[in-house]
Structures are given as structure tokens and as C-alpha cells.
């Protein structure tokens, strides 16, 4: 991913309203983007969004807030 694409992605993200307790729109946006990279997505009962990419080797976690 190029710096330009990362910049565009971040610009799009900060334009999406996501106040505390109402982050669903941000999560839907991210889930759609992640599906383009073949990630399986899931939202749990408390509203956390997870993305899974299968494969072998080390496992990584990227943790962030949507609000």
C-alpha cells in the first residue's frame, strides 16, 4: 500500500462519524475494506470488530478504537 493510499484511507476514516457508543458506521466501513483483502470479519455481542486472515507463521494483532 502506498503512502497516497494510506493517506486517502485515513482521510476517509476521520470523515466517518463514530462517537463513543455509536461506532457502527466506522466498523462497517472497515469490515468492507478488510473483505477486499480476503479477511473474515466478525462483530461480537459488545460491538468489537475482528478481522481474520488465515495462514501460517507468526500471528499479529492490530488493536485500535473506532470512536
PDB file of N, CA and C in Angstrom:
ATOM      1  N   UNK A   1       0.859  -1.171   0.000  1.00  0.00           N
ATOM      2  CA  UNK A   1       0.000   0.000   0.000  1.00  0.00           C
ATOM      3  C   UNK A   1       0.904   1.233   0.000  1.00  0.00           C
ATOM      4  N   UNK A   2       0.593   2.171  -0.865  1.00  0.00           N
ATOM      5  CA  UNK A   2       1.415   3.372  -0.989  1.00  0.00           C
ATOM      6  C   UNK A   2       1.028   4.412   0.068  1.00  0.00           C
ATOM      7  N   UNK A   3       1.898   5.376   0.267  1.00  0.00           N
ATOM      8  CA  UNK A   3       1.618   6.478   1.193  1.00  0.00           C
ATOM      9  C   UNK A   3       0.351   7.211   0.784  1.00  0.00           C
ATOM     10  N   UNK A   4       0.148   7.388  -0.500  1.00  0.00           N
ATOM     11  CA  UNK A   4      -1.043   8.065  -1.003  1.00  0.00           C
ATOM     12  C   UNK A   4      -2.317   7.300  -0.637  1.00  0.00           C
ATOM     13  N   UNK A   5      -2.293   5.971  -0.806  1.00  0.00           N
ATOM     14  CA  UNK A   5      -3.462   5.163  -0.462  1.00  0.00           C
ATOM     15  C   UNK A   5      -3.724   5.178   1.051  1.00  0.00           C
ATOM     16  N   UNK A   6      -2.662   5.129   1.833  1.00  0.00           N
ATOM     17  CA  UNK A   6      -2.809   5.187   3.290  1.00  0.00           C
ATOM     18  C   UNK A   6      -3.393   6.533   3.692  1.00  0.00           C
ATOM     19  N   UNK A   7      -2.904   7.583   3.088  1.00  0.00           N
ATOM     20  CA  UNK A   7      -3.417   8.929   3.374  1.00  0.00           C
ATOM     21  C   UNK A   7      -4.900   9.033   3.025  1.00  0.00           C
ATOM     22  N   UNK A   8      -5.288   8.498   1.866  1.00  0.00           N
ATOM     23  CA  UNK A   8      -6.692   8.517   1.466  1.00  0.00           C
ATOM     24  C   UNK A   8      -7.560   7.715   2.430  1.00  0.00           C
ATOM     25  N   UNK A   9      -7.065   6.548   2.836  1.00  0.00           N
ATOM     26  CA  UNK A   9      -7.803   5.710   3.782  1.00  0.00           C
ATOM     27  C   UNK A   9      -8.017   6.443   5.101  1.00  0.00           C
ATOM     28  N   UNK A  10      -6.971   7.048   5.625  1.00  0.00           N
ATOM     29  CA  UNK A  10      -7.091   7.778   6.889  1.00  0.00           C
ATOM     30  C   UNK A  10      -8.027   8.972   6.757  1.00  0.00           C
ATOM     31  N   UNK A  11      -7.958   9.646   5.627  1.00  0.00           N
ATOM     32  CA  UNK A  11      -8.854  10.774   5.380  1.00  0.00           C
ATOM     33  C   UNK A  11     -10.311  10.323   5.363  1.00  0.00           C
ATOM     34  N   UNK A  12     -10.588   9.204   4.708  1.00  0.00           N
ATOM     35  CA  UNK A  12     -11.941   8.665   4.676  1.00  0.00           C
ATOM     36  C   UNK A  12     -12.406   8.272   6.080  1.00  0.00           C
ATOM     37  N   UNK A  13     -11.516   7.645   6.844  1.00  0.00           N
ATOM     38  CA  UNK A  13     -11.877   7.205   8.200  1.00  0.00           C
ATOM     39  C   UNK A  13     -12.234   8.360   9.121  1.00  0.00           C
ATOM     40  N   UNK A  14     -11.455   9.426   9.089  1.00  0.00           N
ATOM     41  CA  UNK A  14     -11.730  10.539  10.008  1.00  0.00           C
ATOM     42  C   UNK A  14     -12.986  11.308   9.608  1.00  0.00           C
ATOM     43  N   UNK A  15     -13.454  11.131   8.381  1.00  0.00           N
ATOM     44  CA  UNK A  15     -14.692  11.779   7.952  1.00  0.00           C
ATOM     45  C   UNK A  15     -15.952  11.015   8.365  1.00  0.00           C
ATOM     46  N   UNK A  16     -15.791   9.782   8.846  1.00  0.00           N
ATOM     47  CA  UNK A  16     -16.943   8.967   9.247  1.00  0.00           C
ATOM     48  C   UNK A  16     -17.262   9.261  10.714  1.00  0.00           C
ATOM     49  N   UNK A  17     -18.504   9.662  11.004  1.00  0.00           N
ATOM     50  CA  UNK A  17     -18.866   9.889  12.403  1.00  0.00           C
ATOM     51  C   UNK A  17     -18.797   8.584  13.190  1.00  0.00           C
ATOM     52  N   UNK A  18     -18.178   8.630  14.361  1.00  0.00           N
ATOM     53  CA  UNK A  18     -18.069   7.434  15.203  1.00  0.00           C
ATOM     54  C   UNK A  18     -17.944   7.794  16.663  1.00  0.00           C
ATOM     55  N   UNK A  19     -18.928   8.524  17.207  1.00  0.00           N
ATOM     56  CA  UNK A  19     -18.831   8.903  18.619  1.00  0.00           C
ATOM     57  C   UNK A  19     -18.901   7.675  19.533  1.00  0.00           C
ATOM     58  N   UNK A  20     -18.443   7.836  20.747  1.00  0.00           N
ATOM     59  CA  UNK A  20     -18.428   6.751  21.721  1.00  0.00           C
ATOM     60  C   UNK A  20     -19.807   6.101  21.804  1.00  0.00           C
ATOM     61  N   UNK A  21     -19.822   4.779  21.697  1.00  0.00           N
ATOM     62  CA  UNK A  21     -21.061   4.025  21.786  1.00  0.00           C
ATOM     63  C   UNK A  21     -21.824   3.898  20.478  1.00  0.00           C
ATOM     64  N   UNK A  22     -21.358   4.597  19.441  1.00  0.00           N
ATOM     65  CA  UNK A  22     -22.044   4.542  18.133  1.00  0.00           C
ATOM     66  C   UNK A  22     -21.017   4.463  17.008  1.00  0.00           C
ATOM     67  N   UNK A  23     -20.172   3.445  17.083  1.00  0.00           N
ATOM     68  CA  UNK A  23     -19.076   3.292  16.121  1.00  0.00           C
ATOM     69  C   UNK A  23     -19.432   2.390  14.944  1.00  0.00           C
ATOM     70  N   UNK A  24     -20.711   2.000  14.817  1.00  0.00           N
ATOM     71  CA  UNK A  24     -21.098   1.006  13.822  1.00  0.00           C
ATOM     72  C   UNK A  24     -20.732   1.401  12.393  1.00  0.00           C
ATOM     73  N   UNK A  25     -20.886   2.659  12.058  1.00  0.00           N
ATOM     74  CA  UNK A  25     -20.595   3.100  10.685  1.00  0.00           C
ATOM     75  C   UNK A  25     -19.107   2.935  10.364  1.00  0.00           C
ATOM     76  N   UNK A  26     -18.252   3.260  11.324  1.00  0.00           N
ATOM     77  CA  UNK A  26     -16.808   3.088  11.144  1.00  0.00           C
ATOM     78  C   UNK A  26     -16.486   1.604  10.991  1.00  0.00           C
ATOM     79  N   UNK A  27     -17.111   0.782  11.814  1.00  0.00           N
ATOM     80  CA  UNK A  27     -16.846  -0.654  11.757  1.00  0.00           C
ATOM     81  C   UNK A  27     -17.327  -1.267  10.438  1.00  0.00           C
ATOM     82  N   UNK A  28     -18.478  -0.844   9.946  1.00  0.00           N
ATOM     83  CA  UNK A  28     -18.959  -1.344   8.649  1.00  0.00           C
ATOM     84  C   UNK A  28     -17.987  -0.962   7.529  1.00  0.00           C
ATOM     85  N   UNK A  29     -17.495   0.278   7.572  1.00  0.00           N
ATOM     86  CA  UNK A  29     -16.535   0.743   6.567  1.00  0.00           C
ATOM     87  C   UNK A  29     -15.282  -0.143   6.593  1.00  0.00           C
ATOM     88  N   UNK A  30     -14.737  -0.362   7.795  1.00  0.00           N
ATOM     89  CA  UNK A  30     -13.534  -1.185   7.918  1.00  0.00           C
ATOM     90  C   UNK A  30     -13.788  -2.623   7.489  1.00  0.00           C
ATOM     91  N   UNK A  31     -14.918  -3.183   7.888  1.00  0.00           N
ATOM     92  CA  UNK A  31     -15.230  -4.565   7.514  1.00  0.00           C
ATOM     93  C   UNK A  31     -15.285  -4.696   5.995  1.00  0.00           C
ATOM     94  N   UNK A  32     -15.900  -3.729   5.314  1.00  0.00           N
ATOM     95  CA  UNK A  32     -15.949  -3.759   3.843  1.00  0.00           C
ATOM     96  C   UNK A  32     -14.553  -3.685   3.237  1.00  0.00           C
ATOM     97  N   UNK A  33     -13.711  -2.807   3.768  1.00  0.00           N
ATOM     98  CA  UNK A  33     -12.331  -2.691   3.268  1.00  0.00           C
ATOM     99  C   UNK A  33     -11.571  -3.990   3.488  1.00  0.00           C
ATOM    100  N   UNK A  34     -11.715  -4.570   4.686  1.00  0.00           N
ATOM    101  CA  UNK A  34     -10.993  -5.799   5.018  1.00  0.00           C
ATOM    102  C   UNK A  34     -11.418  -6.958   4.141  1.00  0.00           C
ATOM    103  N   UNK A  35     -12.693  -7.006   3.780  1.00  0.00           N
ATOM    104  CA  UNK A  35     -13.166  -8.093   2.922  1.00  0.00           C
ATOM    105  C   UNK A  35     -12.476  -8.043   1.558  1.00  0.00           C
ATOM    106  N   UNK A  36     -12.074  -6.857   1.109  1.00  0.00           N
ATOM    107  CA  UNK A  36     -11.319  -6.730  -0.147  1.00  0.00           C
ATOM    108  C   UNK A  36      -9.957  -7.409  -0.061  1.00  0.00           C
ATOM    109  N   UNK A  37      -9.468  -7.619   1.166  1.00  0.00           N
ATOM    110  CA  UNK A  37      -8.187  -8.294   1.390  1.00  0.00           C
ATOM    111  C   UNK A  37      -8.397  -9.740   1.838  1.00  0.00           C
ATOM    112  N   UNK A  38      -9.615 -10.245   1.624  1.00  0.00           N
ATOM    113  CA  UNK A  38      -9.972 -11.633   1.975  1.00  0.00           C
ATOM    114  C   UNK A  38      -9.884 -11.921   3.469  1.00  0.00           C
ATOM    115  N   UNK A  39     -10.130 -10.918   4.288  1.00  0.00           N
ATOM    116  CA  UNK A  39     -10.202 -11.144   5.724  1.00  0.00           C
ATOM    117  C   UNK A  39     -11.627 -11.534   6.094  1.00  0.00           C
ATOM    118  N   UNK A  40     -11.752 -12.530   6.957  1.00  0.00           N
ATOM    119  CA  UNK A  40     -13.045 -12.889   7.510  1.00  0.00           C
ATOM    120  C   UNK A  40     -13.312 -11.883   8.629  1.00  0.00           C
ATOM    121  N   UNK A  41     -14.483 -11.282   8.648  1.00  0.00           N
ATOM    122  CA  UNK A  41     -14.791 -10.292   9.675  1.00  0.00           C
ATOM    123  C   UNK A  41     -15.928 -10.773  10.560  1.00  0.00           C
ATOM    124  N   UNK A  42     -15.932 -10.243  11.784  1.00  0.00           N
ATOM    125  CA  UNK A  42     -16.945 -10.613  12.765  1.00  0.00           C
ATOM    126  C   UNK A  42     -17.091  -9.461  13.752  1.00  0.00           C
ATOM    127  N   UNK A  43     -18.316  -9.207  14.158  1.00  0.00           N
ATOM    128  CA  UNK A  43     -18.577  -8.239  15.224  1.00  0.00           C
ATOM    129  C   UNK A  43     -19.196  -9.010  16.374  1.00  0.00           C
ATOM    130  N   UNK A  44     -18.591  -8.922  17.558  1.00  0.00           N
ATOM    131  CA  UNK A  44     -19.098  -9.673  18.700  1.00  0.00           C
ATOM    132  C   UNK A  44     -20.284  -8.968  19.358  1.00  0.00           C
ATOM    133  N   UNK A  45     -20.832  -9.566  20.410  1.00  0.00           N
ATOM    134  CA  UNK A  45     -22.061  -9.055  21.020  1.00  0.00           C
ATOM    135  C   UNK A  45     -21.894  -7.704  21.704  1.00  0.00           C
ATOM    136  N   UNK A  46     -20.661  -7.295  21.998  1.00  0.00           N
ATOM    137  CA  UNK A  46     -20.457  -5.967  22.588  1.00  0.00           C
ATOM    138  C   UNK A  46     -19.986  -4.942  21.562  1.00  0.00           C
ATOM    139  N   UNK A  47     -19.911  -5.355  20.287  1.00  0.00           N
ATOM    140  CA  UNK A  47     -19.609  -4.412  19.222  1.00  0.00           C
ATOM    141  C   UNK A  47     -18.172  -4.342  18.763  1.00  0.00           C
ATOM    142  N   UNK A  48     -17.310  -5.261  19.207  1.00  0.00           N
ATOM    143  CA  UNK A  48     -15.918  -5.275  18.750  1.00  0.00           C
ATOM    144  C   UNK A  48     -15.837  -5.896  17.366  1.00  0.00           C
ATOM    145  N   UNK A  49     -15.083  -5.265  16.480  1.00  0.00           N
ATOM    146  CA  UNK A  49     -14.874  -5.779  15.125  1.00  0.00           C
ATOM    147  C   UNK A  49     -13.566  -6.554  15.089  1.00  0.00           C
ATOM    148  N   UNK A  50     -13.630  -7.776  14.534  1.00  0.00           N
ATOM    149  CA  UNK A  50     -12.449  -8.617  14.385  1.00  0.00           C
ATOM    150  C   UNK A  50     -12.263  -8.922  12.905  1.00  0.00           C
ATOM    151  N   UNK A  51     -11.017  -8.960  12.480  1.00  0.00           N
ATOM    152  CA  UNK A  51     -10.683  -9.387  11.131  1.00  0.00           C
ATOM    153  C   UNK A  51      -9.673 -10.508  11.213  1.00  0.00           C
ATOM    154  N   UNK A  52      -9.909 -11.582  10.469  1.00  0.00           N
ATOM    155  CA  UNK A  52      -9.040 -12.749  10.498  1.00  0.00           C
ATOM    156  C   UNK A  52      -8.498 -13.028   9.108  1.00  0.00           C
ATOM    157  N   UNK A  53      -7.199 -13.238   9.034  1.00  0.00           N
ATOM    158  CA  UNK A  53      -6.548 -13.628   7.790  1.00  0.00           C
ATOM    159  C   UNK A  53      -5.846 -14.951   8.060  1.00  0.00           C
ATOM    160  N   UNK A  54      -6.272 -15.997   7.394  1.00  0.00           N
ATOM    161  CA  UNK A  54      -5.686 -17.307   7.656  1.00  0.00           C
ATOM    162  C   UNK A  54      -4.311 -17.416   7.012  1.00  0.00           C
ATOM    163  N   UNK A  55      -3.552 -18.328   7.527  1.00  0.00           N
ATOM    164  CA  UNK A  55      -2.219 -18.566   7.001  1.00  0.00           C
ATOM    165  C   UNK A  55      -1.314 -19.138   8.067  1.00  0.00           C
ATOM    166  N   UNK A  56      -0.092 -19.365   7.695  1.00  0.00           N
ATOM    167  CA  UNK A  56       0.879 -19.923   8.626  1.00  0.00           C
ATOM    168  C   UNK A  56       1.892 -18.858   8.997  1.00  0.00           C
ATOM    169  N   UNK A  57       2.599 -19.091  10.082  1.00  0.00           N
ATOM    170  CA  UNK A  57       3.612 -18.153  10.518  1.00  0.00           C
ATOM    171  C   UNK A  57       3.149 -17.372  11.729  1.00  0.00           C
ATOM    172  N   UNK A  58       3.866 -16.318  12.056  1.00  0.00           N
ATOM    173  CA  UNK A  58       3.533 -15.534  13.256  1.00  0.00           C
ATOM    174  C   UNK A  58       2.137 -14.918  13.157  1.00  0.00           C
ATOM    175  N   UNK A  59       1.512 -14.763  14.295  1.00  0.00           N
ATOM    176  CA  UNK A  59       0.208 -14.103  14.376  1.00  0.00           C
ATOM    177  C   UNK A  59       0.415 -12.680  14.859  1.00  0.00           C
ATOM    178  N   UNK A  60      -0.318 -11.771  14.296  1.00  0.00           N
ATOM    179  CA  UNK A  60      -0.232 -10.361  14.660  1.00  0.00           C
ATOM    180  C   UNK A  60      -1.612  -9.858  15.054  1.00  0.00           C
ATOM    181  N   UNK A  61      -1.628  -8.890  15.923  1.00  0.00           N
ATOM    182  CA  UNK A  61      -2.896  -8.222  16.280  1.00  0.00           C
ATOM    183  C   UNK A  61      -2.702  -6.720  16.117  1.00  0.00           C
ATOM    184  N   UNK A  62      -3.637  -6.102  15.449  1.00  0.00           N
ATOM    185  CA  UNK A  62      -3.653  -4.649  15.343  1.00  0.00           C
ATOM    186  C   UNK A  62      -4.869  -4.204  16.135  1.00  0.00           C
ATOM    187  N   UNK A  63      -4.649  -3.406  17.153  1.00  0.00           N
ATOM    188  CA  UNK A  63      -5.710  -3.028  18.071  1.00  0.00           C
ATOM    189  C   UNK A  63      -5.901  -1.516  17.998  1.00  0.00           C
ATOM    190  N   UNK A  64      -7.161  -1.107  17.933  1.00  0.00           N
ATOM    191  CA  UNK A  64      -7.447   0.324  17.816  1.00  0.00           C
ATOM    192  C   UNK A  64      -8.851   0.607  18.315  1.00  0.00           C
ATOM    193  N   UNK A  65      -9.166   1.877  18.462  1.00  0.00           N
ATOM    194  CA  UNK A  65     -10.511   2.332  18.813  1.00  0.00           C
ATOM    195  C   UNK A  65     -11.179   2.902  17.574  1.00  0.00           C
ATOM    196  N   UNK A  66     -12.496   2.731  17.475  1.00  0.00           N
ATOM    197  CA  UNK A  66     -13.242   3.256  16.328  1.00  0.00           C
ATOM    198  C   UNK A  66     -13.933   4.570  16.681  1.00  0.00           C
ATOM    199  N   UNK A  67     -13.891   4.975  17.930  1.00  0.00           N
ATOM    200  CA  UNK A  67     -14.549   6.215  18.327  1.00  0.00           C
ATOM    201  C   UNK A  67     -13.593   7.369  18.378  1.00  0.00           C
TER     202      UNK A  67
END
